[in-house]
Amino acid sequence: MQATGYIVGSAAAGAIAQLKALESRDDFSNLRTVDLVNAAAHSCEQAHKALREDPTEARACLIHGASRLLAAADRLEPGAAPANVVSMDAAS
């Protein structure tokens, strides 16, 4: 899906830039959707820890996590066959 004509803030632009960099990695297709969600969760945990002491680090963690969530969500797009999705039971 392509979105044109949107004005986004610097955080959203950063997340999209990181998403594009992630998608261009040679090993991107090897990443499981659950791995992307787990990476995002870890980034959110790190952001939560950094909020009071280092807002810049918290922001960077949130942007990183957002890029991973966007990648995972793209794999779960309605009407498309899920790509590289493993049941939670099998992922454990």
N, C-alpha and C. Protein backbone atom coordinates (compact mmCIF):
# COMPACT_ATOMS: atom_id res chain seq x y z
N MET A 1 0.85 -1.17 0.00
CA MET A 1 0.00 0.00 0.00
C MET A 1 0.89 1.23 0.00
N GLN A 2 0.58 2.20 -0.82
CA GLN A 2 1.32 3.43 -0.84
C GLN A 2 0.42 4.55 -0.36
N ALA A 3 0.97 5.36 0.50
CA ALA A 3 0.25 6.53 1.00
C ALA A 3 0.96 7.76 0.46
N THR A 4 0.24 8.62 -0.16
CA THR A 4 0.83 9.85 -0.67
C THR A 4 0.06 11.04 -0.14
N GLY A 5 0.75 12.14 0.00
CA GLY A 5 0.10 13.37 0.40
C GLY A 5 -0.10 13.53 1.89
N TYR A 6 0.62 12.76 2.71
CA TYR A 6 0.49 12.90 4.15
C TYR A 6 1.64 13.72 4.71
N ILE A 7 1.34 14.54 5.67
CA ILE A 7 2.37 15.26 6.40
C ILE A 7 2.46 14.59 7.76
N VAL A 8 3.66 14.12 8.11
CA VAL A 8 3.83 13.43 9.38
C VAL A 8 4.90 14.14 10.20
N GLY A 9 4.86 13.90 11.49
CA GLY A 9 5.87 14.46 12.37
C GLY A 9 7.19 13.73 12.23
N SER A 10 8.21 14.26 12.89
CA SER A 10 9.54 13.67 12.76
C SER A 10 9.61 12.26 13.34
N ALA A 11 8.83 11.98 14.37
CA ALA A 11 8.84 10.63 14.94
C ALA A 11 8.25 9.62 13.95
N ALA A 12 7.14 9.97 13.34
CA ALA A 12 6.53 9.08 12.35
C ALA A 12 7.44 8.92 11.15
N ALA A 13 8.06 10.00 10.71
CA ALA A 13 8.99 9.91 9.58
C ALA A 13 10.18 9.03 9.94
N GLY A 14 10.65 9.13 11.17
CA GLY A 14 11.75 8.28 11.62
C GLY A 14 11.37 6.82 11.64
N ALA A 15 10.16 6.53 12.09
CA ALA A 15 9.68 5.14 12.13
C ALA A 15 9.55 4.59 10.71
N ILE A 16 9.05 5.39 9.79
CA ILE A 16 8.91 4.94 8.41
C ILE A 16 10.29 4.73 7.78
N ALA A 17 11.23 5.62 8.06
CA ALA A 17 12.59 5.45 7.53
C ALA A 17 13.22 4.17 8.06
N GLN A 18 13.03 3.90 9.37
CA GLN A 18 13.57 2.67 9.94
C GLN A 18 12.87 1.45 9.36
N LEU A 19 11.57 1.55 9.12
CA LEU A 19 10.82 0.46 8.50
C LEU A 19 11.40 0.15 7.12
N LYS A 20 11.64 1.17 6.33
CA LYS A 20 12.19 0.96 4.98
C LYS A 20 13.57 0.34 5.06
N ALA A 21 14.39 0.78 6.01
CA ALA A 21 15.73 0.19 6.18
C ALA A 21 15.62 -1.27 6.60
N LEU A 22 14.68 -1.57 7.49
CA LEU A 22 14.46 -2.94 7.94
C LEU A 22 14.03 -3.82 6.77
N GLU A 23 13.09 -3.33 5.99
CA GLU A 23 12.57 -4.11 4.86
C GLU A 23 13.63 -4.35 3.78
N SER A 24 14.63 -3.51 3.72
CA SER A 24 15.67 -3.68 2.70
C SER A 24 16.80 -4.60 3.15
N ARG A 25 16.77 -5.02 4.40
CA ARG A 25 17.80 -5.96 4.89
C ARG A 25 17.67 -7.30 4.17
N ASP A 26 18.80 -7.92 3.91
CA ASP A 26 18.81 -9.22 3.23
C ASP A 26 18.07 -10.29 4.03
N ASP A 27 18.11 -10.18 5.35
CA ASP A 27 17.50 -11.22 6.19
C ASP A 27 16.08 -10.87 6.63
N PHE A 28 15.49 -9.83 6.07
CA PHE A 28 14.16 -9.41 6.52
C PHE A 28 13.13 -10.53 6.38
N SER A 29 13.18 -11.26 5.29
CA SER A 29 12.18 -12.31 5.09
C SER A 29 12.34 -13.46 6.08
N ASN A 30 13.50 -13.55 6.71
CA ASN A 30 13.72 -14.60 7.72
C ASN A 30 13.15 -14.23 9.09
N LEU A 31 12.87 -12.95 9.29
CA LEU A 31 12.31 -12.51 10.57
C LEU A 31 10.85 -12.94 10.66
N ARG A 32 10.50 -13.61 11.75
CA ARG A 32 9.11 -14.00 11.96
C ARG A 32 8.32 -12.79 12.45
N THR A 33 7.05 -12.79 12.18
CA THR A 33 6.19 -11.70 12.64
C THR A 33 6.26 -11.58 14.16
N VAL A 34 6.28 -12.70 14.85
CA VAL A 34 6.36 -12.66 16.31
C VAL A 34 7.69 -12.05 16.76
N ASP A 35 8.76 -12.24 15.99
CA ASP A 35 10.04 -11.62 16.33
C ASP A 35 9.95 -10.10 16.25
N LEU A 36 9.25 -9.62 15.25
CA LEU A 36 9.05 -8.17 15.11
C LEU A 36 8.25 -7.61 16.27
N VAL A 37 7.20 -8.32 16.66
CA VAL A 37 6.37 -7.88 17.79
C VAL A 37 7.20 -7.91 19.08
N ASN A 38 7.98 -8.96 19.25
CA ASN A 38 8.83 -9.05 20.45
C ASN A 38 9.87 -7.93 20.49
N ALA A 39 10.45 -7.60 19.34
CA ALA A 39 11.42 -6.50 19.28
C ALA A 39 10.74 -5.18 19.66
N ALA A 40 9.53 -4.99 19.18
CA ALA A 40 8.78 -3.78 19.53
C ALA A 40 8.49 -3.72 21.02
N ALA A 41 8.10 -4.86 21.59
CA ALA A 41 7.80 -4.90 23.02
C ALA A 41 9.05 -4.56 23.83
N HIS A 42 10.18 -5.11 23.42
CA HIS A 42 11.43 -4.82 24.12
C HIS A 42 11.76 -3.33 24.03
N SER A 43 11.57 -2.75 22.85
CA SER A 43 11.83 -1.32 22.68
C SER A 43 10.93 -0.48 23.57
N CYS A 44 9.67 -0.89 23.70
CA CYS A 44 8.74 -0.17 24.58
C CYS A 44 9.15 -0.28 26.04
N GLU A 45 9.61 -1.45 26.44
CA GLU A 45 10.11 -1.62 27.81
C GLU A 45 11.30 -0.71 28.06
N GLN A 46 12.21 -0.65 27.10
CA GLN A 46 13.39 0.22 27.24
C GLN A 46 12.97 1.69 27.30
N ALA A 47 12.00 2.07 26.50
CA ALA A 47 11.50 3.44 26.51
C ALA A 47 10.89 3.78 27.85
N HIS A 48 10.12 2.85 28.39
CA HIS A 48 9.49 3.07 29.69
C HIS A 48 10.54 3.31 30.77
N LYS A 49 11.61 2.53 30.74
CA LYS A 49 12.69 2.68 31.72
C LYS A 49 13.41 4.02 31.56
N ALA A 50 13.51 4.50 30.33
CA ALA A 50 14.29 5.71 30.05
C ALA A 50 13.49 7.00 30.17
N LEU A 51 12.17 6.92 30.29
CA LEU A 51 11.33 8.12 30.24
C LEU A 51 11.78 9.25 31.16
N ARG A 52 12.03 8.96 32.40
CA ARG A 52 12.37 10.02 33.35
C ARG A 52 13.80 10.52 33.21
N GLU A 53 14.71 9.60 32.96
CA GLU A 53 16.12 9.96 32.95
C GLU A 53 16.63 10.45 31.60
N ASP A 54 16.10 9.89 30.52
CA ASP A 54 16.65 10.20 29.20
C ASP A 54 15.54 10.20 28.15
N PRO A 55 14.79 11.31 28.05
CA PRO A 55 13.70 11.37 27.08
C PRO A 55 14.14 11.15 25.64
N THR A 56 15.36 11.53 25.30
CA THR A 56 15.86 11.33 23.94
C THR A 56 16.00 9.84 23.65
N GLU A 57 16.52 9.09 24.60
CA GLU A 57 16.64 7.64 24.45
C GLU A 57 15.26 6.99 24.40
N ALA A 58 14.35 7.46 25.24
CA ALA A 58 12.99 6.92 25.24
C ALA A 58 12.33 7.13 23.87
N ARG A 59 12.52 8.30 23.31
CA ARG A 59 11.95 8.60 21.99
C ARG A 59 12.54 7.68 20.93
N ALA A 60 13.85 7.50 20.96
CA ALA A 60 14.50 6.62 19.99
C ALA A 60 13.98 5.19 20.11
N CYS A 61 13.78 4.73 21.33
CA CYS A 61 13.24 3.38 21.54
C CYS A 61 11.82 3.27 21.01
N LEU A 62 11.01 4.29 21.24
CA LEU A 62 9.63 4.27 20.75
C LEU A 62 9.58 4.26 19.22
N ILE A 63 10.44 5.04 18.60
CA ILE A 63 10.49 5.07 17.13
C ILE A 63 10.93 3.71 16.60
N HIS A 64 11.93 3.11 17.23
CA HIS A 64 12.39 1.78 16.83
C HIS A 64 11.25 0.77 16.96
N GLY A 65 10.57 0.80 18.09
CA GLY A 65 9.46 -0.12 18.31
C GLY A 65 8.34 0.08 17.32
N ALA A 66 8.05 1.33 17.01
CA ALA A 66 6.99 1.62 16.04
C ALA A 66 7.33 1.04 14.67
N SER A 67 8.59 1.12 14.27
CA SER A 67 8.98 0.58 12.97
C SER A 67 8.78 -0.93 12.92
N ARG A 68 9.05 -1.60 14.04
CA ARG A 68 8.87 -3.05 14.09
C ARG A 68 7.39 -3.41 14.10
N LEU A 69 6.57 -2.62 14.78
CA LEU A 69 5.12 -2.86 14.78
C LEU A 69 4.53 -2.64 13.39
N LEU A 70 5.00 -1.63 12.69
CA LEU A 70 4.52 -1.38 11.33
C LEU A 70 4.88 -2.55 10.41
N ALA A 71 6.09 -3.07 10.56
CA ALA A 71 6.51 -4.22 9.74
C ALA A 71 5.62 -5.42 10.04
N ALA A 72 5.35 -5.66 11.32
CA ALA A 72 4.49 -6.79 11.70
C ALA A 72 3.07 -6.58 11.17
N ALA A 73 2.55 -5.38 11.29
CA ALA A 73 1.20 -5.09 10.83
C ALA A 73 1.09 -5.26 9.31
N ASP A 74 2.13 -4.88 8.58
CA ASP A 74 2.10 -5.07 7.12
C ASP A 74 1.95 -6.53 6.75
N ARG A 75 2.53 -7.40 7.56
CA ARG A 75 2.44 -8.83 7.28
C ARG A 75 1.04 -9.38 7.58
N LEU A 76 0.28 -8.65 8.32
CA LEU A 76 -1.06 -9.09 8.71
C LEU A 76 -2.15 -8.30 8.01
N GLU A 77 -1.82 -7.72 6.88
CA GLU A 77 -2.76 -6.88 6.15
C GLU A 77 -4.01 -7.67 5.77
N PRO A 78 -5.21 -7.11 6.01
CA PRO A 78 -6.44 -7.82 5.68
C PRO A 78 -6.50 -8.23 4.21
N GLY A 79 -6.95 -9.44 3.99
CA GLY A 79 -7.10 -9.93 2.63
C GLY A 79 -5.85 -10.55 2.04
N ALA A 80 -4.72 -10.35 2.70
CA ALA A 80 -3.47 -10.92 2.20
C ALA A 80 -3.14 -12.17 3.01
N ALA A 81 -2.50 -13.12 2.37
CA ALA A 81 -2.08 -14.33 3.09
C ALA A 81 -0.98 -13.92 4.07
N PRO A 82 -1.11 -14.28 5.34
CA PRO A 82 -0.07 -13.92 6.32
C PRO A 82 1.28 -14.46 5.89
N ALA A 83 2.29 -13.60 5.93
CA ALA A 83 3.65 -13.99 5.55
C ALA A 83 4.48 -14.25 6.79
N ASN A 84 5.07 -15.40 6.84
CA ASN A 84 6.01 -15.74 7.90
C ASN A 84 5.37 -15.59 9.28
N VAL A 85 4.16 -16.09 9.43
CA VAL A 85 3.44 -16.03 10.70
C VAL A 85 3.40 -17.43 11.29
N VAL A 86 3.80 -17.52 12.55
CA VAL A 86 3.82 -18.80 13.25
C VAL A 86 2.91 -18.68 14.45
N SER A 87 2.17 -19.73 14.77
CA SER A 87 1.29 -19.65 15.94
C SER A 87 2.13 -19.42 17.19
N MET A 88 1.54 -18.80 18.18
CA MET A 88 2.27 -18.50 19.43
C MET A 88 2.75 -19.78 20.10
N ASP A 89 2.00 -20.86 19.98
CA ASP A 89 2.40 -22.14 20.57
C ASP A 89 3.69 -22.63 19.90
N ALA A 90 3.76 -22.51 18.60
CA ALA A 90 4.94 -22.98 17.87
C ALA A 90 6.13 -22.03 18.07
N ALA A 91 5.86 -20.77 18.35
CA ALA A 91 6.94 -19.80 18.50
C ALA A 91 7.65 -19.91 19.84
N SER A 92 7.03 -20.54 20.80
CA SER A 92 7.62 -20.63 22.14
C SER A 92 8.79 -21.57 22.18
